[in-house]
């Protein structure tokens, strides 16, 4: 998809503060952070949402591995962090490209709201 915001970030057409990258995924800082550490992990290949994933173990597994690596690099692995994948409008998904939110650096209340 050529006009997708996150696809444009992957192609470096829109600037982002990239914190990690591998062959499958890209991680960058959220522009409207909800915690001291708020990083988005996305697959480089466009996928609209978790519902559209044909191989969840592969794609989500790659995203989870990157989130774990980034959490360690950001120093939040020892104190705790949250990962969230919003799916669909009612689930809070606002960008039509699968993404995982990595949040940490403060006490995260439950329920999230």
Protein backbone atom coordinates (compact mmCIF):
# COMPACT_ATOMS: atom_id res chain seq x y z
CA UNK A 1 0.00 0.00 0.00
CA UNK A 2 1.66 3.22 -1.12
CA UNK A 3 -0.19 5.81 0.99
CA UNK A 4 -0.02 3.97 4.34
CA UNK A 5 1.65 6.14 7.01
CA UNK A 6 3.73 3.28 8.43
CA UNK A 7 4.71 1.99 4.97
CA UNK A 8 5.99 5.48 4.23
CA UNK A 9 8.04 5.37 7.45
CA UNK A 10 9.49 2.01 6.40
CA UNK A 11 10.47 3.56 3.04
CA UNK A 12 11.97 6.55 4.93
CA UNK A 13 9.63 9.00 3.18
CA UNK A 14 8.46 10.24 6.58
CA UNK A 15 11.01 10.77 9.36
CA UNK A 16 10.86 8.66 12.51
CA UNK A 17 13.21 8.02 15.40
CA UNK A 18 14.14 4.42 14.62
CA UNK A 19 15.42 2.41 17.58
CA UNK A 20 15.73 -1.04 15.98
CA UNK A 21 15.38 -2.69 12.60
CA UNK A 22 15.81 -6.11 11.08
CA UNK A 23 14.72 -7.81 7.86
CA UNK A 24 11.08 -8.17 8.99
CA UNK A 25 10.35 -5.34 11.43
CA UNK A 26 11.00 -1.72 12.29
CA UNK A 27 10.75 -0.11 15.75
CA UNK A 28 10.44 3.64 16.27
CA UNK A 29 9.38 6.09 18.98
CA UNK A 30 5.72 7.08 19.08
CA UNK A 31 5.20 10.77 18.28
CA UNK A 32 2.53 11.06 21.02
CA UNK A 33 3.97 8.91 23.83
CA UNK A 34 1.65 7.60 26.53
CA UNK A 35 4.55 6.52 28.78
CA UNK A 36 8.22 7.49 29.19
CA UNK A 37 9.02 4.64 26.79
CA UNK A 38 6.48 4.29 23.97
CA UNK A 39 7.79 2.53 20.90
CA UNK A 40 5.89 1.10 17.96
CA UNK A 41 7.02 -2.17 16.38
CA UNK A 42 5.70 -2.80 12.89
CA UNK A 43 6.18 -5.42 10.22
CA UNK A 44 7.87 -3.93 7.17
CA UNK A 45 5.41 -5.67 4.84
CA UNK A 46 2.02 -3.98 4.88
CA UNK A 47 -0.60 -5.86 6.86
CA UNK A 48 -3.77 -3.99 7.77
CA UNK A 49 -4.35 -5.54 11.20
CA UNK A 50 -3.95 -8.66 13.28
CA UNK A 51 -7.14 -10.00 11.66
CA UNK A 52 -5.43 -9.84 8.25
CA UNK A 53 -2.33 -11.83 9.26
CA UNK A 54 -2.11 -15.19 7.50
CA UNK A 55 0.85 -16.45 9.56
CA UNK A 56 0.37 -14.95 13.04
CA UNK A 57 3.18 -16.95 14.63
CA UNK A 58 5.67 -15.67 12.09
CA UNK A 59 4.74 -11.99 11.95
CA UNK A 60 3.71 -11.49 15.57
CA UNK A 61 6.61 -13.65 16.73
CA UNK A 62 9.05 -11.38 14.87
CA UNK A 63 7.36 -8.31 16.40
CA UNK A 64 7.52 -9.84 19.89
CA UNK A 65 11.22 -10.69 19.52
CA UNK A 66 11.94 -7.10 18.51
CA UNK A 67 9.83 -5.71 21.38
CA UNK A 68 11.79 -7.88 23.83
CA UNK A 69 15.10 -6.70 22.40
CA UNK A 70 14.04 -3.04 22.48
CA UNK A 71 12.70 -3.35 26.06
CA UNK A 72 16.09 -4.63 27.14
CA UNK A 73 17.90 -1.85 25.28
CA UNK A 74 15.60 0.79 26.80
CA UNK A 75 16.22 -0.56 30.32
CA UNK A 76 12.59 -1.45 31.07
CA UNK A 77 12.84 -5.24 30.88
CA UNK A 78 13.73 -5.58 34.56
CA UNK A 79 10.95 -3.34 35.88
CA UNK A 80 8.18 -4.41 33.54
CA UNK A 81 6.49 -3.21 30.39
CA UNK A 82 3.31 -3.66 28.41
CA UNK A 83 2.79 -4.71 24.81
CA UNK A 84 -0.49 -3.91 23.08
CA UNK A 85 -1.87 -4.68 19.63
CA UNK A 86 -5.07 -2.77 18.92
CA UNK A 87 -7.23 -4.33 16.21
CA UNK A 88 -10.05 -2.54 14.42
CA UNK A 89 -11.82 0.71 15.23
CA UNK A 90 -13.50 -0.60 18.39
CA UNK A 91 -10.16 -1.99 19.53
CA UNK A 92 -8.54 1.43 19.26
CA UNK A 93 -6.54 0.88 16.06
CA UNK A 94 -6.02 4.29 14.43
CA UNK A 95 -3.47 3.42 11.71
CA UNK A 96 -4.38 0.69 9.23
CA UNK A 97 -1.05 -1.13 9.50
CA UNK A 98 -0.42 -3.82 12.11
CA UNK A 99 1.61 -2.43 14.99
CA UNK A 100 2.59 -3.31 18.53
CA UNK A 101 2.86 -0.65 21.23
CA UNK A 102 5.73 -1.17 23.69
CA UNK A 103 5.06 0.90 26.82
CA UNK A 104 7.13 1.24 29.98
CA UNK A 105 9.13 3.45 32.26
CA UNK A 106 6.31 4.03 34.75
CA UNK A 107 3.71 2.07 36.69
CA UNK A 108 1.07 1.03 34.13
CA UNK A 109 -2.40 0.92 35.67
CA UNK A 110 -4.95 -1.78 34.96
CA UNK A 111 -7.42 -1.79 33.36
CA UNK A 112 -5.88 0.36 30.66
CA UNK A 113 -9.13 2.15 29.73
